[in-house]
Amino acid sequence: MDHPGQERGPMFAFAALALVLLGGPWATALDNGLALTPTMGWLHWERFTCNVDCIEDPENCISEGLFMQMADIMVSEGWKDAGYEYVCIDDCWLASKRNKNGSLQADPKRFPSGIRHLADYVHSRGLKLGIYQDVGTLTCAGYPGSFGYYDIDAQTFADWGVDLLKFDGCNFKDVESLVEGYKSMSSALNKTGRSILYSCEWPLYLRPFQEPNYTEIRQYCNHWRNYGDIFDSWNSVKTILAWTASKQESLVPAAGPGGWNDPDMLVIGNFGLSWDQQVTQMALWAIMAAPLFMSNDLRHISPQSKNLLQNKDVIAINQDPLGKQGYQLRKDKDFEVWERPLSNLAWAVAVLNQKEIGGPQNYAFSTSALGHGLGCSPACYITQILPVKEDLGLYTWISQLKVRVNPTGTVLLKLQTYQQQEYSSHTSPDDLVSSNSTYDYYDYYNNATSDDIISVTVLDTL
């Protein structure tokens, strides 16, 4: 909004360009008041898959006992306090047939008390329950799908007290039925009157036929999968990152409060990732403003992985209220630099070393390249968040920043911009912009000095 009677300063044109690069105002989101920040929780699929053998493997089969145990641990071991609030059932919870009334029913042997009882149990722990279904005639594992039953199934979930629906996309008839099915379930959930977060896989299944319309998808879904399932491997994680970077021009503007791109589950604490690779996944999922759904065994997780997943500083970046998704800023041989705008003129920056041979390597870059020239203008205080927290000190827009990154590892940084009028060589972190500051980007652009303009000009030579 323009300020009446106020002339636009010399930075206005650049400001408008920067807002375009950062995605600008969000498109209309699904109006259910949910997922205003990326959703956090636990989901069974990657770790426990479709294990339905409760005779041979009672501890790990998909049963009500597994989800009750996870709910208990999420409370007792600090996961709930860290922000993880959803306990989510994926595929393979269903009985092989609907009941005589056409309603879904849980497998009676593995869920003898029923989903309503499980929801009550999860709610009694202060958590929320998620469940799984499919847009087609069958789920991906071959259980009854929701095609032709969208209203009935939505009401069933509401009656059971479900708080989130993951809606998969297997076994659909054609593109029209896929698209209409996702829209129909969204409407059916809203008609129940219960707040049920809607997690879609619409663009993942649509992309082989046509490019997704994210403006439309965002109007119906709270988050959406774009790429195939994650596996417990570094190759899987790096492939998702590469694909996301290749599509970021369409993905980044689509994300914001109420609707998020979902690169799939966190596999931290399992078997396939080294420590540095676990750091990379946590750091980059925070940069991408991704939903944080752990898929691991919380009963058997190392203290190191637990501390990473519960890292308050990383979670704060992921949950930042500005709600802008980050992006890959540059790829320089084996190094990638990603950045994300945060509230209060702050930025998160991740430096990833993709090299898979040798030892740690240094990477140096100019702070003038960050945040479209505004990330450290005229100065910023930089804190390293991962792999270990460390105050790196005060930098100016002409500084060189050097980080040392392990192979397949990431260094995650937070930059807090100083106000021009507050900046001095003696400024401390306590002098940074507070959350109550009324200073905004409009003021910044219109009160820019020649130094600020020079810092922008430097970008043209990078």
Protein backbone atom coordinates (compact mmCIF):
# COMPACT_ATOMS: atom_id res chain seq x y z
CA MET A 1 0.00 0.00 0.00
CA ASP A 2 1.30 3.47 -0.87
CA HIS A 3 1.82 5.99 1.93
CA PRO A 4 -0.22 9.10 1.04
CA GLY A 5 1.84 12.21 0.55
CA GLN A 6 5.17 10.39 0.73
CA GLU A 7 7.51 10.40 -2.24
CA ARG A 8 9.10 7.15 -3.29
CA GLY A 9 12.80 6.96 -2.57
CA PRO A 10 15.58 5.96 -4.98
CA MET A 11 15.37 2.31 -3.97
CA PHE A 12 11.70 1.82 -4.87
CA ALA A 13 12.36 0.27 -8.30
CA PHE A 14 14.82 -2.22 -6.84
CA ALA A 15 12.44 -2.93 -3.98
CA ALA A 16 9.71 -3.87 -6.40
CA LEU A 17 12.10 -6.18 -8.26
CA ALA A 18 13.22 -7.80 -5.02
CA LEU A 19 9.63 -8.47 -4.01
CA VAL A 20 9.05 -10.23 -7.33
CA LEU A 21 12.16 -12.36 -6.81
CA LEU A 22 11.03 -13.22 -3.31
CA GLY A 23 7.63 -14.33 -4.50
CA GLY A 24 5.57 -11.22 -3.72
CA PRO A 25 2.21 -11.55 -1.97
CA TRP A 26 0.96 -15.09 -1.61
CA ALA A 27 -1.83 -16.49 -3.72
CA THR A 28 -5.13 -17.24 -2.03
CA ALA A 29 -4.77 -20.14 0.38
CA LEU A 30 -7.22 -22.81 1.50
CA ASP A 31 -9.42 -20.90 3.94
CA ASN A 32 -9.46 -23.28 6.90
CA GLY A 33 -7.12 -21.35 9.23
CA LEU A 34 -4.59 -24.21 9.36
CA ALA A 35 -0.89 -24.59 8.51
CA LEU A 36 -0.09 -20.91 8.97
CA THR A 37 3.45 -22.17 9.51
CA PRO A 38 4.80 -25.48 8.15
CA THR A 39 3.18 -28.48 9.82
CA MET A 40 5.29 -30.52 12.26
CA GLY A 41 4.73 -34.09 13.35
CA TRP A 42 5.55 -37.78 12.97
CA LEU A 43 4.49 -40.04 10.09
CA HIS A 44 4.96 -43.78 9.97
CA TRP A 45 5.60 -44.51 6.29
CA GLU A 46 9.35 -44.37 5.51
CA ARG A 47 10.42 -46.15 8.69
CA PHE A 48 7.59 -48.66 9.15
CA THR A 49 6.18 -48.90 5.57
CA CYS A 50 3.32 -51.40 5.22
CA ASN A 51 4.33 -53.83 7.96
CA VAL A 52 1.08 -55.56 8.89
CA ASP A 53 2.57 -58.69 10.46
CA CYS A 54 1.79 -58.21 14.12
CA ILE A 55 2.48 -61.86 14.91
CA GLU A 56 6.10 -61.93 13.77
CA ASP A 57 6.86 -58.26 14.44
CA PRO A 58 4.41 -56.91 17.04
CA GLU A 59 6.67 -54.01 18.05
CA ASN A 60 6.86 -52.52 14.57
CA CYS A 61 3.66 -53.47 12.77
CA ILE A 62 1.09 -50.83 11.80
CA SER A 63 -1.23 -50.99 14.80
CA GLU A 64 -2.87 -48.79 17.37
CA GLY A 65 -0.15 -49.70 19.84
CA LEU A 66 2.57 -48.21 17.65
CA PHE A 67 0.82 -44.85 17.44
CA MET A 68 0.00 -44.78 21.13
CA GLN A 69 3.64 -45.41 21.96
CA MET A 70 4.76 -42.63 19.63
CA ALA A 71 2.23 -40.23 21.16
CA ASP A 72 3.50 -41.02 24.65
CA ILE A 73 7.12 -40.51 23.63
CA MET A 74 6.37 -37.27 21.80
CA VAL A 75 5.15 -35.86 25.09
CA SER A 76 7.65 -37.42 27.49
CA GLU A 77 10.76 -36.84 25.35
CA GLY A 78 10.20 -33.19 24.46
CA TRP A 79 8.95 -33.59 20.88
CA LYS A 80 5.64 -31.90 21.58
CA ASP A 81 7.36 -29.01 23.34
CA ALA A 82 9.67 -28.62 20.33
CA GLY A 83 6.62 -28.14 18.07
CA TYR A 84 5.88 -31.62 16.70
CA GLU A 85 2.13 -31.97 17.21
CA TYR A 86 0.70 -34.45 14.68
CA VAL A 87 0.88 -38.25 15.02
CA CYS A 88 0.09 -39.49 11.52
CA ILE A 89 -1.05 -42.84 10.20
CA ASP A 90 -0.07 -43.59 6.61
CA ASP A 91 -1.28 -46.41 4.34
CA CYS A 92 -2.16 -49.95 5.52
CA TRP A 93 -4.39 -49.08 8.48
CA LEU A 94 -7.61 -50.07 6.71
CA ALA A 95 -9.63 -53.25 6.64
CA SER A 96 -9.78 -54.87 3.22
CA LYS A 97 -13.41 -53.83 2.71
CA ARG A 98 -15.79 -51.08 3.74
CA ASN A 99 -18.54 -51.95 6.21
CA LYS A 100 -22.11 -52.73 5.16
CA ASN A 101 -22.99 -49.03 5.25
CA GLY A 102 -20.20 -48.15 2.85
CA SER A 103 -18.02 -46.53 5.49
CA LEU A 104 -14.32 -47.08 6.00
CA GLN A 105 -13.19 -49.25 8.87
CA ALA A 106 -9.82 -49.91 10.46
CA ASP A 107 -8.32 -53.38 10.43
CA PRO A 108 -10.07 -55.00 13.41
CA LYS A 109 -7.07 -57.03 14.54
CA ARG A 110 -4.48 -54.27 14.42
CA PHE A 111 -6.81 -51.46 15.53
CA PRO A 112 -9.26 -53.34 17.79
CA SER A 113 -10.34 -50.19 19.64
CA GLY A 114 -11.00 -48.23 16.45
CA ILE A 115 -9.74 -44.90 15.17
CA ARG A 116 -12.07 -42.87 17.39
CA HIS A 117 -10.43 -44.37 20.46
CA LEU A 118 -6.96 -43.75 19.04
CA ALA A 119 -7.84 -40.13 18.29
CA ASP A 120 -9.12 -39.66 21.84
CA TYR A 121 -5.87 -41.13 23.17
CA VAL A 122 -3.72 -38.85 21.03
CA HIS A 123 -5.82 -35.83 21.96
CA SER A 124 -5.48 -36.68 25.66
CA ARG A 125 -1.74 -36.23 25.20
CA GLY A 126 -2.25 -32.76 23.76
CA LEU A 127 -1.44 -33.94 20.23
CA LYS A 128 -3.38 -34.30 16.97
CA LEU A 129 -4.08 -37.35 14.83
CA GLY A 130 -3.48 -37.64 11.10
CA ILE A 131 -4.81 -40.35 8.81
CA TYR A 132 -4.32 -41.53 5.21
CA GLN A 133 -6.57 -42.12 2.22
CA ASP A 134 -6.38 -42.00 -1.57
CA VAL A 135 -8.17 -40.12 -4.34
CA GLY A 136 -8.56 -43.27 -6.44
CA THR A 137 -10.42 -46.55 -6.18
CA LEU A 138 -7.64 -48.16 -4.11
CA THR A 139 -4.84 -46.84 -1.93
CA CYS A 140 -1.27 -47.34 -3.12
CA ALA A 141 -1.09 -50.51 -1.01
CA GLY A 142 -4.38 -51.85 -2.36
CA TYR A 143 -6.86 -50.94 0.38
CA PRO A 144 -10.23 -49.28 -0.34
CA GLY A 145 -9.80 -45.78 -1.79
CA SER A 146 -12.11 -42.77 -1.54
CA PHE A 147 -13.25 -42.48 -5.16
CA GLY A 148 -17.04 -42.16 -5.10
CA TYR A 149 -17.05 -41.82 -1.30
CA TYR A 150 -15.51 -38.38 -0.71
CA ASP A 151 -18.34 -36.95 1.39
CA ILE A 152 -18.86 -40.18 3.35
CA ASP A 153 -15.15 -40.55 4.11
CA ALA A 154 -14.70 -36.91 5.09
CA GLN A 155 -17.59 -37.17 7.55
CA THR A 156 -16.20 -40.46 8.90
CA PHE A 157 -12.85 -38.78 9.59
CA ALA A 158 -14.59 -35.85 11.29
CA ASP A 159 -16.72 -38.19 13.42
CA TRP A 160 -13.57 -40.04 14.48
CA GLY A 161 -11.87 -36.80 15.55
CA VAL A 162 -9.16 -36.85 12.88
CA ASP A 163 -7.12 -33.63 12.56
CA LEU A 164 -5.16 -34.19 9.31
CA LEU A 165 -5.76 -36.11 6.11
CA LYS A 166 -2.91 -37.20 3.87
CA PHE A 167 -4.59 -37.81 0.51
CA ASP A 168 -2.55 -39.91 -1.91
CA GLY A 169 -3.01 -40.18 -5.69
CA CYS A 170 -2.80 -43.83 -6.73
CA ASN A 171 -5.30 -45.69 -8.90
CA PHE A 172 -7.17 -42.76 -10.41
CA LYS A 173 -9.09 -43.16 -13.66
CA ASP A 174 -7.88 -40.10 -15.58
CA VAL A 175 -6.54 -36.58 -15.07
CA GLU A 176 -10.01 -35.11 -14.72
CA SER A 177 -10.98 -37.52 -11.96
CA LEU A 178 -7.63 -36.86 -10.22
CA VAL A 179 -8.13 -33.09 -10.16
CA GLU A 180 -11.82 -33.22 -9.32
CA GLY A 181 -11.16 -35.80 -6.63
CA TYR A 182 -8.71 -33.54 -4.80
CA LYS A 183 -11.12 -30.63 -5.06
CA SER A 184 -14.06 -32.74 -3.94
CA MET A 185 -12.30 -34.04 -0.84
CA SER A 186 -11.20 -30.51 0.09
CA SER A 187 -14.82 -29.31 -0.10
CA ALA A 188 -16.07 -32.39 1.74
CA LEU A 189 -13.63 -31.84 4.62
CA ASN A 190 -14.68 -28.22 4.98
CA LYS A 191 -18.36 -29.17 4.97
CA THR A 192 -17.88 -31.38 8.03
CA GLY A 193 -17.28 -28.30 10.18
CA ARG A 194 -14.19 -29.89 11.74
CA SER A 195 -10.74 -28.38 11.27
CA ILE A 196 -8.91 -31.03 9.27
CA LEU A 197 -5.58 -30.12 7.70
CA TYR A 198 -5.46 -31.29 4.08
CA SER A 199 -2.18 -32.75 2.78
CA CYS A 200 -2.29 -33.43 -0.98
CA GLU A 201 -0.19 -35.24 -3.56
CA TRP A 202 -2.00 -33.57 -6.45
CA PRO A 203 1.00 -32.04 -8.29
CA LEU A 204 3.08 -35.21 -7.92
CA TYR A 205 0.53 -37.28 -9.84
CA LEU A 206 -0.51 -34.50 -12.23
CA ARG A 207 2.97 -33.56 -13.47
CA PRO A 208 3.40 -36.52 -15.87
CA PHE A 209 0.38 -35.19 -17.79
CA GLN A 210 0.61 -31.40 -17.38
CA GLU A 211 2.28 -28.68 -15.36
CA PRO A 212 0.53 -28.09 -12.03
CA ASN A 213 -1.36 -24.85 -11.46
CA TYR A 214 -0.13 -23.96 -7.98
CA THR A 215 -2.50 -21.03 -7.65
CA GLU A 216 -5.36 -23.49 -7.98
CA ILE A 217 -3.77 -26.21 -5.83
CA ARG A 218 -3.12 -23.73 -3.03
CA GLN A 219 -6.83 -22.88 -2.91
CA TYR A 220 -7.65 -26.48 -1.99
CA CYS A 221 -4.66 -27.91 -0.08
CA ASN A 222 -2.61 -26.96 3.00
CA HIS A 223 0.50 -28.61 1.63
CA TRP A 224 1.31 -30.71 -1.38
CA ARG A 225 3.89 -33.25 -2.48
CA ASN A 226 5.69 -32.46 -5.73
CA TYR A 227 8.20 -35.29 -6.04
CA GLY A 228 8.40 -39.04 -5.38
CA ASP A 229 8.79 -40.72 -2.00
CA ILE A 230 11.91 -40.09 0.01
CA PHE A 231 14.14 -43.04 0.91
CA ASP A 232 16.60 -43.46 3.76
CA SER A 233 19.59 -42.53 1.59
CA TRP A 234 21.77 -39.56 0.70
CA ASN A 235 21.02 -40.09 -2.99
CA SER A 236 17.32 -39.62 -2.28
CA VAL A 237 17.84 -36.43 -0.26
CA LYS A 238 20.20 -34.82 -2.77
CA THR A 239 17.90 -35.75 -5.68
CA ILE A 240 14.96 -34.02 -3.97
CA LEU A 241 17.11 -30.92 -3.39
CA ALA A 242 18.29 -30.85 -7.00
CA TRP A 243 14.76 -31.25 -8.33
CA THR A 244 13.42 -28.54 -6.03
CA ALA A 245 16.14 -26.11 -7.15
CA SER A 246 15.34 -26.86 -10.80
CA LYS A 247 11.66 -26.01 -10.26
CA GLN A 248 12.02 -23.18 -7.74
CA GLU A 249 10.69 -20.46 -10.04
CA SER A 250 7.23 -22.04 -9.81
CA LEU A 251 7.51 -23.59 -6.33
CA VAL A 252 8.77 -20.67 -4.26
CA PRO A 253 5.97 -18.18 -5.07
CA ALA A 254 3.34 -20.83 -4.28
CA ALA A 255 4.42 -21.30 -0.66
CA GLY A 256 3.22 -19.21 2.26
CA PRO A 257 0.96 -19.27 5.32
CA GLY A 258 -1.79 -21.80 4.76
CA GLY A 259 -0.06 -23.68 1.93
CA TRP A 260 3.42 -25.25 1.59
CA ASN A 261 5.53 -27.33 -0.77
CA ASP A 262 6.24 -30.70 0.85
CA PRO A 263 9.58 -32.36 -0.08
CA ASP A 264 8.56 -35.39 2.04
CA MET A 265 9.61 -36.84 5.38
CA LEU A 266 12.64 -36.24 7.57
CA VAL A 267 14.61 -39.50 7.71
CA ILE A 268 16.98 -38.25 10.41
CA GLY A 269 17.66 -40.85 13.09
CA ASN A 270 17.40 -43.87 10.80
CA PHE A 271 20.14 -45.85 9.05
CA GLY A 272 20.97 -44.32 5.67
CA LEU A 273 22.34 -40.83 6.38
CA SER A 274 25.68 -39.88 7.90
CA TRP A 275 25.71 -37.21 10.58
CA ASP A 276 26.63 -34.50 8.06
CA GLN A 277 23.85 -35.62 5.73
CA GLN A 278 21.35 -35.47 8.59
CA VAL A 279 22.48 -31.89 9.24
CA THR A 280 21.99 -31.12 5.55
CA GLN A 281 18.45 -32.45 5.51
CA MET A 282 17.44 -30.54 8.63
CA ALA A 283 19.05 -27.31 7.42
CA LEU A 284 17.63 -27.40 3.90
CA TRP A 285 14.13 -28.44 5.02
CA ALA A 286 14.20 -25.34 7.25
CA ILE A 287 15.35 -23.16 4.34
CA MET A 288 12.60 -24.59 2.11
CA ALA A 289 9.88 -23.86 4.71
CA ALA A 290 9.00 -27.55 4.46
CA PRO A 291 6.54 -29.42 6.65
CA LEU A 292 8.62 -31.33 9.21
CA PHE A 293 7.25 -34.86 9.38
CA MET A 294 9.73 -37.21 11.02
CA SER A 295 9.62 -40.84 9.94
CA ASN A 296 11.81 -42.67 12.42
CA ASP A 297 11.54 -44.78 15.54
CA LEU A 298 11.36 -42.35 18.44
CA ARG A 299 11.79 -45.30 20.82
CA HIS A 300 15.26 -45.92 19.44
CA ILE A 301 16.92 -42.69 18.33
CA SER A 302 20.40 -41.42 19.14
CA PRO A 303 20.79 -38.36 21.39
CA GLN A 304 22.63 -36.60 18.55
CA SER A 305 19.79 -37.08 16.06
CA LYS A 306 17.22 -36.16 18.70
CA ASN A 307 19.03 -32.91 19.51
CA LEU A 308 19.20 -32.04 15.82
CA LEU A 309 15.50 -32.64 15.27
CA GLN A 310 14.66 -30.62 18.38
CA ASN A 311 17.10 -27.77 17.65
CA LYS A 312 15.14 -24.65 18.59
CA ASP A 313 17.10 -22.32 16.32
CA VAL A 314 16.58 -24.47 13.23
CA ILE A 315 12.89 -24.95 14.03
CA ALA A 316 12.53 -21.18 14.48
CA ILE A 317 13.85 -20.69 10.94
CA ASN A 318 11.45 -23.32 9.59
CA GLN A 319 8.53 -21.77 11.47
CA ASP A 320 9.42 -18.13 10.75
CA PRO A 321 6.18 -16.10 10.58
CA LEU A 322 7.16 -14.21 7.42
CA GLY A 323 6.29 -17.47 5.67
CA LYS A 324 8.57 -17.17 2.64
CA GLN A 325 10.17 -20.27 1.15
CA GLY A 326 13.92 -20.15 0.52
CA TYR A 327 15.68 -20.99 -2.70
CA GLN A 328 19.02 -21.91 -4.20
CA LEU A 329 20.94 -18.67 -4.73
CA ARG A 330 23.93 -20.11 -6.56
CA LYS A 331 25.69 -23.32 -7.49
CA ASP A 332 29.47 -23.01 -7.60
CA LYS A 333 31.17 -26.28 -8.58
CA ASP A 334 30.61 -28.56 -5.57
CA PHE A 335 29.04 -25.85 -3.40
CA GLU A 336 25.48 -24.62 -3.24
CA VAL A 337 24.30 -21.50 -1.43
CA TRP A 338 20.65 -21.35 -0.40
CA GLU A 339 18.93 -18.45 1.35
CA ARG A 340 15.59 -17.63 2.90
CA PRO A 341 14.12 -14.26 3.95
CA LEU A 342 12.96 -14.16 7.56
CA SER A 343 10.95 -11.73 9.66
CA ASN A 344 12.57 -8.62 11.18
CA LEU A 345 14.94 -8.15 8.22
CA ALA A 346 16.82 -11.39 8.98
CA TRP A 347 18.01 -14.04 6.53
CA ALA A 348 18.88 -17.72 6.80
CA VAL A 349 21.73 -18.95 4.60
CA ALA A 350 22.80 -22.55 4.01
CA VAL A 351 26.09 -23.54 2.37
CA LEU A 352 26.05 -27.15 1.14
CA ASN A 353 29.16 -29.07 0.08
CA GLN A 354 28.03 -31.68 -2.44
CA LYS A 355 31.47 -33.23 -2.79
CA GLU A 356 31.51 -36.90 -1.73
CA ILE A 357 35.26 -37.39 -1.54
CA GLY A 358 38.07 -35.85 0.52
CA GLY A 359 37.78 -33.78 3.66
CA PRO A 360 36.29 -30.45 4.80
CA GLN A 361 36.60 -27.56 2.36
CA ASN A 362 36.51 -23.80 2.76
CA TYR A 363 34.07 -21.68 0.81
CA ALA A 364 34.23 -17.89 0.75
CA PHE A 365 31.69 -15.46 -0.65
CA SER A 366 30.77 -11.80 -0.37
CA THR A 367 27.98 -10.81 1.98
CA SER A 368 26.85 -8.36 -0.72
CA ALA A 369 25.53 -11.35 -2.67
CA LEU A 370 23.03 -12.28 0.03
CA GLY A 371 19.43 -11.24 0.28
CA HIS A 372 19.37 -9.51 -3.08
CA GLY A 373 21.96 -7.08 -1.72
CA LEU A 374 19.95 -6.40 1.42
CA GLY A 375 20.92 -9.37 3.60
CA CYS A 376 23.87 -7.59 5.16
CA SER A 377 23.33 -3.96 4.23
CA PRO A 378 24.76 -1.87 5.76
CA ALA A 379 25.87 -4.52 8.30
CA CYS A 380 24.71 -7.73 9.90
CA TYR A 381 25.45 -9.97 12.83
CA ILE A 382 25.99 -13.58 11.76
CA THR A 383 25.34 -16.64 13.90
CA GLN A 384 26.21 -20.15 12.78
CA ILE A 385 23.31 -22.44 13.70
CA LEU A 386 24.53 -25.78 12.30
CA PRO A 387 26.45 -28.01 12.62
CA VAL A 388 27.25 -26.29 15.95
CA LYS A 389 26.06 -22.94 17.19
CA GLU A 390 28.68 -20.21 17.13
CA ASP A 391 28.57 -16.41 17.08
CA LEU A 392 30.60 -15.34 14.05
CA GLY A 393 30.36 -11.62 14.77
CA LEU A 394 29.69 -8.44 12.88
CA TYR A 395 30.00 -8.19 9.08
CA THR A 396 29.41 -5.37 6.61
CA TRP A 397 28.03 -5.54 3.10
CA ILE A 398 31.59 -5.58 1.70
CA SER A 399 32.83 -8.39 3.95
CA GLN A 400 34.05 -11.78 2.80
CA LEU A 401 32.47 -14.64 4.71
CA LYS A 402 34.35 -17.94 4.87
CA VAL A 403 32.83 -21.21 6.07
CA ARG A 404 34.31 -24.70 6.34
CA VAL A 405 31.96 -27.46 5.26
CA ASN A 406 32.32 -31.24 5.48
CA PRO A 407 31.60 -33.42 2.42
CA THR A 408 27.80 -33.77 1.97
CA GLY A 409 27.43 -31.44 4.97
CA THR A 410 25.89 -28.00 5.39
CA VAL A 411 26.67 -24.89 7.40
CA LEU A 412 23.48 -23.06 8.37
CA LEU A 413 23.75 -19.36 9.20
CA LYS A 414 21.40 -16.66 10.40
CA LEU A 415 22.04 -13.05 9.41
CA GLN A 416 20.40 -10.28 11.40
CA THR A 417 20.51 -6.96 9.55
CA TYR A 418 21.53 -3.86 11.49
CA GLN A 419 19.65 -0.63 11.16
CA GLN A 420 21.70 2.03 9.38
CA GLN A 421 21.21 4.47 12.24
CA GLU A 422 22.19 1.88 14.85
CA TYR A 423 25.29 0.52 13.15
CA SER A 424 28.66 1.18 14.71
CA SER A 425 31.81 -0.83 15.29
CA HIS A 426 30.67 -1.40 18.88
CA THR A 427 27.19 -2.72 18.08
CA SER A 428 26.25 -5.90 19.90
CA PRO A 429 23.56 -8.50 19.20
CA ASP A 430 21.35 -6.81 21.80
CA ASP A 431 21.06 -3.84 19.45
CA LEU A 432 19.40 -5.83 16.69
CA VAL A 433 15.89 -5.16 15.41
CA SER A 434 13.37 -6.44 17.95
CA SER A 435 10.18 -8.26 17.11
CA ASN A 436 8.28 -5.14 18.19
CA SER A 437 10.07 -2.89 15.72
CA THR A 438 7.84 -0.87 13.41
CA TYR A 439 10.67 -0.50 10.91
CA ASP A 440 9.59 -2.25 7.68
CA TYR A 441 10.88 -2.89 4.19
CA TYR A 442 9.02 0.12 2.82
CA ASP A 443 10.88 2.39 5.23
CA TYR A 444 14.13 0.67 4.35
CA TYR A 445 13.72 1.15 0.63
CA ASN A 446 12.60 4.76 0.88
CA ASN A 447 15.28 5.83 3.37
CA ALA A 448 18.11 4.08 1.52
CA THR A 449 21.46 5.84 1.41
CA SER A 450 24.06 5.91 -1.33
CA ASP A 451 25.86 3.07 0.46
CA ASP A 452 22.76 0.92 0.09
CA ILE A 453 22.57 1.70 -3.62
CA ILE A 454 26.23 0.80 -4.05
CA SER A 455 25.64 -2.53 -2.32
CA VAL A 456 22.94 -3.30 -4.87
CA THR A 457 25.17 -2.29 -7.77
CA VAL A 458 27.79 -4.78 -6.61
CA LEU A 459 25.33 -7.59 -7.45
CA ASP A 460 25.66 -6.78 -11.15
CA THR A 461 29.32 -7.81 -11.12
CA LEU A 462 28.85 -11.17 -9.31
